[in-house]
Amino acid sequence: MFSKETYIRRRAELKRLVGQGIIVLFGNNDAPANYPANAYAPMRQDSTFLYYFGQHRDGLVGVIDIDNNEEWLLGDDIDVEDIVWMGYTPSVSDLAAEVGVTKTAPLSSLTSHLSPLTSKRVHFLPPYRHDTMIQIMDLLGIHPSQQRAASSIDLIKAVVKMRSTKSAEEIAIIDAACDVGYVMHTTAQMLIKPGVTERFVGGQVDGIARSLAQGVSFATIFSQHGEIMHGNPSDAKLEAGRLALCDAGCELNDYCSDNTRTMPVNGKFTQKQLEIYSIVEACHDYVLEVAKPGVRYMDVHFAVCRLMTERLKELGLMKGDVDEAVRAGAHAMFLPHGLGHMMGMDVHDMEGLGQIYVGFDDETRPNLEQFGTNCLRMGRKLEPGFVVTDEPGIYFIPHLIDLWKKEGHCKEFLNFDMLEQYKDFGGIRLEDDLLITADGCRFLGTRRIPYHPQELEDFMAQ
């Protein structure tokens, strides 16, 4: 938790930005894994509730009455049966006092508490858990299928504005989370060798996150099939001559890290692997030169795409005019996702509020009609305090190669005969977390996970 004054200041600014009405922020409840008493643990509190009310306990709702300048924390005090199993938890009034809230009420009174106020506009965020949807339906009579459309755009925009710019306190935590990420990824690099299973390495990476932080910030991706974007660890044994991709991060004090490294299983790149890897490395490092305040991240993305296309042309995998190839989306054969996304309390920060509000503005909108470009998550102008990921990649996806070859899609820019030789290559991605500073940007974390080819090979050789 931050200081009481931090939460008081955040709620005051939220009231100013939204202007009028009632804001209702729902905390999360335990979610059963396979039967009621066996819940996913530890419980993950809703990030926006945490941002404004700071408390991790389940069964809490924050209410902010802008017009009457009142703030409430609703929840039920635990009884002795809960204490027997879970230990003592402070009262709701004590929890409220820790974050500067003076008014409390039982959770059961939420509907009756708000009924006299519902003539005013009630602002809520798009729900993503079904128990919250039921609460909203009971409170406002809005069916779950209609709740996302009925959520408050004013509240969404206010939350996005505030959470997008990280304070010095938040940046310090993300730096620390990235340092845990360093241990996670270097552990994987030390364990990788032929015969070890993907599941074993992935499990060790998860264990580091649970040992040094709250846990992983998303399900760890570890696979020899790097061409599969979300390739979770399998029982497959690592094979000499293959590449292993590890995309993993931790959550520390409610803030995330997110890094990706791609390693040769036997510790040495082949010439073919090194040629592709060096292109991804150059694209990854190029972002440090061009990302700065006032620059649209969409423009950074396409600058990287042009660099990638130029280098792939040099290898003979692409051909034709670089600008025309990128305009046609030919590069998406190799990079079907965006350069990065916002990161903070959520690894894809605030994505549940609507990516169009989080990653874009009136000057930037993703082209939803073009493959690859439709997956951009971040395109808006960068500002100091933004935290974004820098994660270019090159992937050889056999089914995509076959489809585009059959359709003749972008045939004037792609060498399909040469692509046939790369169908068993896999994929490469390099990812670090980037802080936009007053005059440029820097990578977060005090230690850089090895990724330059020689340093990576030397580290793995140890």
Protein backbone atom coordinates (compact mmCIF):
# COMPACT_ATOMS: atom_id res chain seq x y z
CA MET A 1 0.00 0.00 0.00
CA PHE A 2 0.97 3.59 -0.53
CA SER A 3 0.36 6.36 2.00
CA LYS A 4 -3.17 7.33 3.02
CA GLU A 5 -2.63 10.68 1.33
CA THR A 6 -1.95 8.97 -2.02
CA TYR A 7 -5.40 7.35 -2.06
CA ILE A 8 -7.12 10.52 -0.84
CA ARG A 9 -5.41 12.48 -3.63
CA ARG A 10 -6.30 9.87 -6.27
CA ARG A 11 -9.98 9.84 -5.33
CA ALA A 12 -10.11 13.64 -5.29
CA GLU A 13 -8.67 13.77 -8.80
CA LEU A 14 -11.09 11.07 -9.96
CA LYS A 15 -14.02 13.12 -8.67
CA ARG A 16 -12.71 16.18 -10.48
CA LEU A 17 -12.34 14.33 -13.78
CA VAL A 18 -15.72 12.56 -13.70
CA GLY A 19 -17.53 15.69 -12.51
CA GLN A 20 -20.85 14.46 -11.13
CA GLY A 21 -22.85 11.41 -10.10
CA ILE A 22 -22.02 8.26 -8.13
CA ILE A 23 -18.93 6.14 -8.79
CA VAL A 24 -19.12 2.47 -7.79
CA LEU A 25 -15.87 0.48 -7.86
CA PHE A 26 -16.26 -3.24 -7.23
CA GLY A 27 -13.54 -5.23 -5.52
CA ASN A 28 -13.10 -8.91 -6.34
CA ASN A 29 -14.14 -12.05 -4.50
CA ASP A 30 -12.53 -15.46 -4.23
CA ALA A 31 -12.97 -17.45 -7.45
CA PRO A 32 -13.46 -21.24 -7.05
CA ALA A 33 -11.06 -23.39 -9.06
CA ASN A 34 -13.12 -26.58 -9.13
CA TYR A 35 -15.37 -26.47 -6.06
CA PRO A 36 -16.39 -23.63 -3.71
CA ALA A 37 -13.85 -24.19 -0.92
CA ASN A 38 -10.92 -24.63 -3.33
CA ALA A 39 -10.39 -21.11 -4.59
CA TYR A 40 -7.66 -19.81 -6.83
CA ALA A 41 -5.03 -18.43 -4.47
CA PRO A 42 -3.98 -15.89 -3.69
CA MET A 43 -7.05 -13.83 -4.51
CA ARG A 44 -6.32 -11.06 -7.02
CA GLN A 45 -8.02 -7.78 -6.19
CA ASP A 46 -9.41 -5.62 -8.99
CA SER A 47 -6.67 -3.22 -10.09
CA THR A 48 -8.79 -0.07 -10.28
CA PHE A 49 -10.29 -0.76 -6.85
CA LEU A 50 -6.72 -1.15 -5.56
CA TYR A 51 -5.65 2.07 -7.24
CA TYR A 52 -8.28 4.14 -5.41
CA PHE A 53 -9.00 2.14 -2.25
CA GLY A 54 -5.79 0.18 -1.70
CA GLN A 55 -7.23 -2.83 0.15
CA HIS A 56 -6.74 -6.46 -0.89
CA ARG A 57 -9.52 -8.10 1.11
CA ASP A 58 -12.32 -9.79 -0.79
CA GLY A 59 -15.96 -8.66 -0.65
CA LEU A 60 -15.40 -4.90 -0.73
CA VAL A 61 -17.07 -2.16 -2.80
CA GLY A 62 -16.01 1.48 -2.95
CA VAL A 63 -18.66 4.17 -3.46
CA ILE A 64 -17.80 7.78 -4.27
CA ASP A 65 -20.66 10.30 -4.17
CA ILE A 66 -19.22 13.18 -6.15
CA ASP A 67 -22.13 15.57 -5.63
CA ASN A 68 -22.17 15.21 -1.84
CA ASN A 69 -18.40 14.73 -1.58
CA GLU A 70 -18.80 11.46 0.35
CA GLU A 71 -16.73 8.28 0.10
CA TRP A 72 -17.82 4.90 1.42
CA LEU A 73 -16.22 1.49 1.83
CA LEU A 74 -18.81 -1.29 1.93
CA GLY A 75 -18.04 -4.76 3.21
CA ASP A 76 -18.83 -7.25 5.96
CA ASP A 77 -16.64 -7.80 8.99
CA ILE A 78 -15.40 -11.36 9.32
CA ASP A 79 -16.61 -13.65 12.11
CA VAL A 80 -14.80 -16.14 14.32
CA GLU A 81 -15.33 -19.03 11.86
CA ASP A 82 -13.41 -17.07 9.22
CA ILE A 83 -10.70 -16.24 11.77
CA VAL A 84 -10.26 -19.95 12.60
CA TRP A 85 -9.47 -20.78 8.98
CA MET A 86 -7.92 -17.59 7.62
CA GLY A 87 -6.63 -15.63 10.60
CA TYR A 88 -7.61 -12.20 11.84
CA THR A 89 -8.55 -9.50 9.36
CA PRO A 90 -9.07 -5.85 10.40
CA SER A 91 -12.60 -4.50 10.45
CA VAL A 92 -13.99 -2.70 7.43
CA SER A 93 -13.83 0.58 9.35
CA ASP A 94 -10.13 -0.01 10.09
CA LEU A 95 -9.47 -0.82 6.45
CA ALA A 96 -11.31 2.34 5.41
CA ALA A 97 -9.35 4.49 7.84
CA GLU A 98 -6.06 3.23 6.38
CA VAL A 99 -6.93 4.83 3.04
CA GLY A 100 -8.67 7.95 4.35
CA VAL A 101 -12.30 6.84 3.98
CA THR A 102 -14.55 7.80 6.91
CA LYS A 103 -17.86 6.14 6.04
CA THR A 104 -18.54 2.38 6.00
CA ALA A 105 -21.57 0.10 5.67
CA PRO A 106 -22.25 -3.65 5.34
CA LEU A 107 -22.04 -5.04 1.83
CA SER A 108 -25.62 -6.33 2.17
CA SER A 109 -26.78 -2.71 2.27
CA LEU A 110 -25.28 -1.82 -1.13
CA THR A 111 -28.64 -1.78 -2.93
CA SER A 112 -30.55 0.01 -0.17
CA HIS A 113 -27.62 2.35 0.37
CA LEU A 114 -27.59 3.46 -3.24
CA SER A 115 -31.33 3.34 -3.99
CA PRO A 116 -31.98 6.94 -2.87
CA LEU A 117 -29.09 8.06 -5.07
CA THR A 118 -29.86 6.21 -8.29
CA SER A 119 -31.74 9.19 -9.68
CA LYS A 120 -28.21 10.46 -10.27
CA ARG A 121 -25.92 8.94 -12.84
CA VAL A 122 -24.17 5.82 -11.53
CA HIS A 123 -20.73 5.31 -13.03
CA PHE A 124 -19.28 1.80 -13.16
CA LEU A 125 -16.52 0.12 -15.17
CA PRO A 126 -17.00 -2.78 -17.60
CA PRO A 127 -17.23 -5.92 -15.42
CA TYR A 128 -15.22 -9.04 -16.20
CA ARG A 129 -16.35 -11.38 -13.40
CA HIS A 130 -19.80 -12.90 -13.26
CA ASP A 131 -20.35 -12.26 -9.54
CA THR A 132 -19.78 -8.55 -10.21
CA MET A 133 -22.25 -8.72 -13.08
CA ILE A 134 -24.87 -10.12 -10.71
CA GLN A 135 -24.19 -7.30 -8.24
CA ILE A 136 -24.66 -4.71 -10.99
CA MET A 137 -27.87 -6.39 -12.14
CA ASP A 138 -29.23 -6.38 -8.57
CA LEU A 139 -28.18 -2.77 -8.09
CA LEU A 140 -29.16 -1.19 -11.40
CA GLY A 141 -31.33 -3.77 -13.16
CA ILE A 142 -28.98 -3.98 -16.15
CA HIS A 143 -28.66 -7.45 -17.66
CA PRO A 144 -25.05 -8.75 -17.82
CA SER A 145 -25.17 -8.83 -21.63
CA GLN A 146 -25.80 -5.06 -21.62
CA GLN A 147 -23.40 -3.99 -18.88
CA ARG A 148 -20.31 -3.34 -20.97
CA ALA A 149 -22.30 -1.03 -23.22
CA ALA A 150 -23.85 0.67 -20.18
CA SER A 151 -20.55 1.27 -18.39
CA SER A 152 -19.42 4.86 -17.94
CA ILE A 153 -17.19 6.28 -20.69
CA ASP A 154 -16.47 9.28 -18.44
CA LEU A 155 -15.22 6.98 -15.68
CA ILE A 156 -13.22 4.82 -18.11
CA LYS A 157 -11.46 7.87 -19.58
CA ALA A 158 -10.74 9.30 -16.12
CA VAL A 159 -9.25 6.04 -14.88
CA VAL A 160 -7.18 5.60 -18.04
CA LYS A 161 -5.86 9.16 -17.78
CA MET A 162 -4.77 8.66 -14.19
CA ARG A 163 -3.40 5.12 -14.35
CA SER A 164 -1.51 5.67 -17.63
CA THR A 165 1.00 8.03 -16.03
CA LYS A 166 3.00 6.26 -13.35
CA SER A 167 4.28 8.13 -10.30
CA ALA A 168 7.84 7.82 -8.99
CA GLU A 169 6.54 5.40 -6.34
CA GLU A 170 4.93 3.19 -8.97
CA ILE A 171 8.01 3.26 -11.20
CA ALA A 172 10.20 2.14 -8.29
CA ILE A 173 7.97 -0.91 -7.78
CA ILE A 174 7.97 -1.78 -11.49
CA ASP A 175 11.78 -1.51 -11.47
CA ALA A 176 11.81 -3.98 -8.57
CA ALA A 177 9.36 -6.29 -10.37
CA CYS A 178 11.65 -6.26 -13.42
CA ASP A 179 14.55 -7.25 -11.15
CA VAL A 180 12.54 -10.32 -10.12
CA GLY A 181 11.96 -10.87 -13.84
CA TYR A 182 15.74 -10.89 -14.26
CA VAL A 183 16.00 -13.81 -11.83
CA MET A 184 13.12 -15.63 -13.55
CA HIS A 185 14.65 -15.38 -17.01
CA THR A 186 18.27 -16.02 -16.05
CA THR A 187 17.08 -19.11 -14.17
CA ALA A 188 15.48 -20.34 -17.39
CA GLN A 189 18.67 -19.58 -19.32
CA MET A 190 20.70 -21.63 -16.83
CA LEU A 191 18.32 -24.60 -16.98
CA ILE A 192 17.87 -24.89 -20.73
CA LYS A 193 19.61 -27.89 -22.25
CA PRO A 194 18.62 -30.86 -24.40
CA GLY A 195 16.45 -33.40 -22.59
CA VAL A 196 14.91 -31.03 -20.03
CA THR A 197 11.15 -30.65 -20.44
CA GLU A 198 9.41 -27.39 -21.21
CA ARG A 199 7.19 -27.97 -18.18
CA PHE A 200 10.18 -28.26 -15.84
CA VAL A 201 11.74 -24.98 -16.95
CA GLY A 202 8.38 -23.19 -16.93
CA GLY A 203 7.65 -24.51 -13.45
CA GLN A 204 10.98 -23.26 -12.11
CA VAL A 205 10.29 -19.82 -13.60
CA ASP A 206 6.86 -19.76 -11.92
CA GLY A 207 8.44 -20.80 -8.63
CA ILE A 208 10.81 -17.83 -8.69
CA ALA A 209 7.83 -15.49 -9.14
CA ARG A 210 5.99 -17.09 -6.22
CA SER A 211 9.12 -17.04 -4.06
CA LEU A 212 10.27 -13.46 -4.68
CA ALA A 213 6.96 -11.76 -5.54
CA GLN A 214 3.19 -12.32 -5.42
CA GLY A 215 3.35 -14.71 -8.35
CA VAL A 216 3.31 -14.51 -12.13
CA SER A 217 1.70 -11.55 -13.88
CA PHE A 218 0.32 -13.92 -16.56
CA ALA A 219 0.57 -17.59 -17.44
CA THR A 220 4.21 -18.28 -18.32
CA ILE A 221 4.93 -18.94 -22.00
CA PHE A 222 7.80 -21.37 -22.50
CA SER A 223 8.01 -23.38 -25.68
CA GLN A 224 10.22 -24.61 -28.50
CA HIS A 225 7.33 -23.53 -30.73
CA GLY A 226 8.00 -19.82 -30.46
CA GLU A 227 5.80 -19.27 -33.50
CA ILE A 228 2.80 -19.94 -31.23
CA MET A 229 2.18 -16.61 -29.49
CA HIS A 230 0.83 -18.16 -26.27
CA GLY A 231 2.70 -21.45 -26.22
CA ASN A 232 2.37 -22.72 -22.66
CA PRO A 233 4.87 -25.32 -21.39
CA SER A 234 4.25 -28.90 -22.49
CA ASP A 235 5.85 -32.20 -21.57
CA ALA A 236 8.03 -32.04 -24.69
CA LYS A 237 11.76 -32.41 -24.12
CA LEU A 238 14.04 -29.64 -25.34
CA GLU A 239 15.92 -30.64 -28.49
CA ALA A 240 19.39 -29.62 -29.60
CA GLY A 241 19.28 -27.25 -32.55
CA ARG A 242 15.91 -25.76 -31.55
CA LEU A 243 15.10 -22.38 -30.06
CA ALA A 244 13.23 -21.99 -26.76
CA LEU A 245 11.12 -18.89 -26.17
CA CYS A 246 10.39 -17.73 -22.61
CA ASP A 247 7.81 -14.96 -22.07
CA ALA A 248 7.26 -14.45 -18.35
CA GLY A 249 6.78 -11.81 -15.70
CA CYS A 250 5.98 -11.39 -12.05
CA GLU A 251 3.60 -9.31 -10.01
CA LEU A 252 5.23 -7.48 -7.10
CA ASN A 253 3.23 -5.26 -4.75
CA ASP A 254 0.45 -5.15 -7.36
CA TYR A 255 2.68 -4.07 -10.28
CA CYS A 256 3.95 -6.21 -13.13
CA SER A 257 6.98 -7.10 -15.17
CA ASP A 258 6.89 -8.70 -18.63
CA ASN A 259 9.99 -9.87 -20.49
CA THR A 260 10.73 -12.30 -23.31
CA ARG A 261 13.96 -14.00 -24.29
CA THR A 262 14.68 -16.59 -26.98
CA MET A 263 17.57 -18.99 -26.47
CA PRO A 264 19.32 -21.76 -28.43
CA VAL A 265 18.63 -25.02 -26.59
CA ASN A 266 22.22 -26.23 -26.87
CA GLY A 267 23.68 -22.82 -26.02
CA LYS A 268 24.88 -21.84 -29.50
CA PHE A 269 22.98 -20.19 -32.35
CA THR A 270 23.21 -21.69 -35.79
CA GLN A 271 24.04 -19.24 -38.56
CA LYS A 272 20.43 -19.35 -39.78
CA GLN A 273 19.10 -18.64 -36.28
CA LEU A 274 21.61 -15.85 -35.72
CA GLU A 275 20.59 -14.10 -38.93
CA ILE A 276 16.95 -13.91 -37.84
CA TYR A 277 17.80 -13.23 -34.20
CA SER A 278 20.01 -10.27 -35.14
CA ILE A 279 17.10 -8.66 -36.97
CA VAL A 280 14.85 -8.93 -33.91
CA GLU A 281 17.69 -7.64 -31.72
CA ALA A 282 18.14 -4.59 -33.98
CA CYS A 283 14.41 -3.85 -33.97
CA HIS A 284 14.25 -4.20 -30.18
CA ASP A 285 17.15 -1.78 -29.66
CA TYR A 286 15.93 0.68 -32.29
CA VAL A 287 12.93 1.50 -30.10
CA LEU A 288 15.29 3.13 -27.57
CA GLU A 289 16.27 5.63 -30.27
CA VAL A 290 12.81 6.66 -31.45
CA ALA A 291 10.40 6.32 -28.50
CA LYS A 292 10.00 9.62 -26.65
CA PRO A 293 7.27 12.03 -25.50
CA GLY A 294 5.08 13.33 -28.31
CA VAL A 295 5.84 10.42 -30.64
CA ARG A 296 2.95 8.07 -31.44
CA TYR A 297 3.72 4.49 -30.49
CA MET A 298 1.95 3.47 -33.70
CA ASP A 299 4.70 5.34 -35.58
CA VAL A 300 7.36 3.55 -33.53
CA HIS A 301 5.68 0.25 -34.42
CA PHE A 302 5.77 0.96 -38.15
CA ALA A 303 9.34 2.27 -37.98
CA VAL A 304 10.29 -1.10 -36.52
CA CYS A 305 8.28 -2.87 -39.24
CA ARG A 306 10.19 -0.99 -41.96
CA LEU A 307 13.53 -1.86 -40.38
CA MET A 308 12.48 -5.50 -40.13
CA THR A 309 11.35 -5.53 -43.76
CA GLU A 310 14.63 -4.01 -44.96
CA ARG A 311 16.64 -6.66 -43.11
CA LEU A 312 14.41 -9.51 -44.29
CA LYS A 313 14.90 -8.25 -47.85
CA GLU A 314 18.65 -8.56 -47.34
CA LEU A 315 18.13 -12.24 -46.47
CA GLY A 316 15.89 -12.73 -49.50
CA LEU A 317 12.73 -13.53 -47.52
CA MET A 318 11.04 -10.31 -48.63
CA LYS A 319 11.26 -8.23 -51.80
CA GLY A 320 9.91 -5.08 -53.42
CA ASP A 321 9.52 -1.56 -52.07
CA VAL A 322 9.81 -1.46 -48.27
CA ASP A 323 7.18 1.23 -47.70
CA GLU A 324 4.72 -0.45 -50.06
CA ALA A 325 5.31 -3.82 -48.39
CA VAL A 326 4.59 -2.40 -44.94
CA ARG A 327 1.57 -0.48 -46.22
CA ALA A 328 0.19 -3.73 -47.65
CA GLY A 329 0.82 -5.55 -44.37
CA ALA A 330 3.29 -8.04 -45.84
CA HIS A 331 5.48 -7.76 -42.74
CA ALA A 332 2.65 -9.28 -40.69
CA MET A 333 3.63 -12.66 -42.13
CA PHE A 334 6.51 -12.40 -39.64
CA LEU A 335 5.13 -9.97 -37.02
CA PRO A 336 1.37 -10.49 -36.62
CA HIS A 337 1.11 -8.49 -33.38
CA GLY A 338 1.82 -4.96 -32.22
CA LEU A 339 5.14 -3.70 -30.92
CA GLY A 340 3.84 -3.50 -27.36
CA HIS A 341 1.17 -2.58 -24.84
CA MET A 342 0.70 -0.49 -21.74
CA MET A 343 1.90 -2.14 -18.52
CA GLY A 344 1.38 -1.38 -14.85
CA MET A 345 -0.96 -2.93 -12.33
CA ASP A 346 -2.15 -5.23 -15.13
CA VAL A 347 0.36 -6.79 -17.45
CA HIS A 348 -1.84 -5.50 -20.30
CA ASP A 349 -2.65 -2.43 -18.31
CA MET A 350 -6.36 -1.56 -18.14
CA GLU A 351 -7.12 -3.71 -21.19
CA GLY A 352 -10.45 -4.68 -19.64
CA LEU A 353 -11.59 -1.06 -19.81
CA GLY A 354 -11.45 -1.16 -23.61
CA GLN A 355 -8.28 -1.07 -25.66
CA ILE A 356 -9.59 1.77 -27.81
CA TYR A 357 -9.45 4.02 -24.71
CA VAL A 358 -6.22 2.66 -23.26
CA GLY A 359 -4.00 2.40 -26.33
CA PHE A 360 -5.46 4.92 -28.73
CA ASP A 361 -6.81 8.47 -28.96
CA ASP A 362 -8.66 10.61 -31.49
CA GLU A 363 -5.57 10.76 -33.73
CA THR A 364 -4.80 7.05 -33.66
CA ARG A 365 -7.11 4.15 -34.35
CA PRO A 366 -6.05 0.60 -35.23
CA ASN A 367 -6.82 -0.63 -38.73
CA LEU A 368 -9.14 -3.47 -37.82
CA GLU A 369 -9.33 -4.62 -41.44
CA GLN A 370 -5.64 -5.49 -41.89
CA PHE A 371 -4.09 -8.66 -40.47
CA GLY A 372 -1.43 -7.77 -37.91
CA THR A 373 -2.39 -4.12 -37.66
CA ASN A 374 -5.69 -5.19 -36.15
CA CYS A 375 -3.68 -6.57 -33.20
CA LEU A 376 -2.07 -3.25 -32.26
CA ARG A 377 -2.69 -2.59 -28.56
CA MET A 378 -0.83 0.71 -28.27
CA GLY A 379 -0.72 3.54 -30.78
CA ARG A 380 -1.27 6.80 -28.89
CA LYS A 381 1.19 9.62 -28.28
CA LEU A 382 3.73 8.79 -25.62
CA GLU A 383 3.93 10.87 -22.45
CA PRO A 384 6.44 10.94 -19.59
CA GLY A 385 5.51 8.30 -17.04
CA PHE A 386 4.01 5.86 -19.54
CA VAL A 387 5.23 2.27 -19.23
CA VAL A 388 5.01 0.25 -22.45
CA THR A 389 6.50 -3.01 -23.64
CA ASP A 390 8.98 -3.23 -26.50
CA GLU A 391 8.52 -6.69 -28.00
CA PRO A 392 9.30 -7.17 -31.68
CA GLY A 393 9.41 -10.71 -33.01
CA ILE A 394 9.82 -12.78 -36.15
CA TYR A 395 7.75 -15.93 -36.43
CA PHE A 396 7.50 -18.60 -39.10
CA ILE A 397 3.97 -19.99 -38.82
CA PRO A 398 3.54 -22.93 -41.22
CA HIS A 399 -0.25 -22.63 -41.55
CA LEU A 400 0.00 -18.91 -42.25
CA ILE A 401 2.74 -19.45 -44.84
CA ASP A 402 0.60 -22.10 -46.57
CA LEU A 403 -2.52 -19.93 -46.54
CA TRP A 404 -0.87 -16.79 -47.93
CA LYS A 405 0.99 -18.84 -50.55
CA LYS A 406 -2.26 -20.50 -51.66
CA GLU A 407 -4.09 -17.16 -51.83
CA GLY A 408 -1.15 -15.31 -53.36
CA HIS A 409 -1.47 -12.74 -50.58
CA CYS A 410 1.34 -10.15 -50.75
CA LYS A 411 3.16 -12.35 -53.27
CA GLU A 412 4.88 -9.29 -54.72
CA PHE A 413 6.62 -8.76 -51.36
CA LEU A 414 7.23 -12.33 -50.08
CA ASN A 415 9.56 -15.03 -51.30
CA PHE A 416 7.39 -18.08 -50.67
CA ASP A 417 9.95 -20.54 -52.07
CA MET A 418 12.50 -19.42 -49.49
CA LEU A 419 9.87 -19.37 -46.73
CA GLU A 420 9.40 -23.11 -47.24
CA GLN A 421 12.89 -23.56 -45.82
CA TYR A 422 11.88 -21.88 -42.55
CA LYS A 423 8.71 -23.79 -41.68
CA ASP A 424 10.47 -25.67 -38.88
CA PHE A 425 12.30 -22.60 -37.57
CA GLY A 426 9.89 -21.58 -34.80
CA GLY A 427 9.87 -17.98 -33.64
CA ILE A 428 11.94 -15.31 -31.89
CA ARG A 429 10.71 -12.52 -29.63
CA LEU A 430 12.69 -10.10 -27.43
CA GLU A 431 10.79 -8.03 -24.90
CA ASP A 432 11.62 -5.46 -22.26
CA ASP A 433 9.59 -2.90 -20.35
CA LEU A 434 10.10 0.71 -21.34
CA LEU A 435 9.59 3.86 -19.26
CA ILE A 436 8.97 7.06 -21.21
CA THR A 437 11.05 9.81 -19.60
CA ALA A 438 11.04 13.59 -20.01
CA ASP A 439 13.31 13.46 -23.05
CA GLY A 440 13.38 9.85 -24.21
CA CYS A 441 12.99 6.44 -22.66
CA ARG A 442 14.80 3.77 -20.66
CA PHE A 443 14.37 0.10 -19.94
CA LEU A 444 13.01 -0.71 -16.51
CA GLY A 445 14.90 -2.88 -14.03
CA THR A 446 18.41 -2.42 -12.68
CA ARG A 447 19.79 -5.54 -14.40
CA ARG A 448 19.42 -6.43 -18.05
CA ILE A 449 18.55 -10.02 -18.85
CA PRO A 450 21.21 -11.25 -21.35
CA TYR A 451 20.00 -11.00 -24.93
CA HIS A 452 22.83 -9.86 -27.19
CA PRO A 453 23.94 -13.07 -28.94
CA GLN A 454 27.50 -13.34 -27.61
CA GLU A 455 26.60 -12.38 -24.03
CA LEU A 456 23.68 -14.82 -24.10
CA GLU A 457 25.85 -17.66 -25.34
CA ASP A 458 28.53 -16.81 -22.76
CA PHE A 459 25.97 -16.70 -19.95
CA MET A 460 24.45 -20.05 -20.94
CA ALA A 461 27.95 -21.56 -21.15
CA GLN A 462 28.48 -20.81 -17.46
